[in-house]
Amino acid sequence: MKVNVSIIIPTLNEEKYLPSLLQSIRDQTAQPLEVIVADANSIDQTKKIALSFGCKIIQGGHLPKGRNNGAKIAKSDILLFLDADNVLPGKFLERTVREFQKRNLDIASCFAYVPFPALMDITGEILVNFYFKMTEKIRPHVYGFCIFVKKKIHEEINGFDESIILGEDQDYVLRASKKGVYRFLLSEKLPASMRRFREGGRIRTALKYSLIELHILLFGRIRKQIVPFEWGKHYKN
């Protein structure tokens, strides 16, 4: 069974994580129409792995550009933006796409959970999910590693703002929610990767995300580097 969704994955040196995501997509009870990998000139085996799973590969760039490039060639009416270090539960696509369509949503995300968490992880998970739920109707937020959106809405808002360095996903959902109905999906939660928290330290990374959120609330879009953030460094690790 296929579902009407195009999955778009921006990548840069993701040979370690991408196979798990693509295998979890292959194992879904409902298959997407297509999987598009927008690669930003990886120097590892990322593109070779994507080809072995039958993905379409296009030129990517930084995260907003990669997502936009993927959306340009997507054939489905519904886009799903994922990160390369996601792993989807077995019925994720079947349940979430059905809910998205049944509730007639235009943009949505899923709540996150941390598999095999430490106490600090559980606390963070509860607080962030609660904050996102409480602000759902007044100032929408989204987990950037899981964004469902109708392609027509994506096109109406001209996609992700490629001039934004940090928090482009929050700007995206704020603009998209003004054009259509936005809600969190309830049928499935998505495991959150702890990669950045392991690499940067849990407390330090949590403070970094808090600073980004505070800056957006007080000053708006972030178009300059206010905190250290390096994408694709995982190859060097």
Foldseek 3Di string as FASTA:
>chain_A
DEDQEEEFEEDAQLPPAQLQALVLQVLAPYHYPAYEYAYAPHPDCVVVSCVVSPHHYHHAHPDQRRVLVSLVPDDGQKYKYAYSNWHDPRHRCVQQSVQCVVVVWAKEAAQEAAPPDDPVRRVVSVVVSVVQQVCCPPQHDHDNRTMMGGSVLCVVVVGFDPLFDPDSRSVSCRSSVVVTPYDYDDRDHTYDDCVCCVVVPVVVVVVVVVVVVVCCVPPNGHRDDPDDDDPNCVNVD
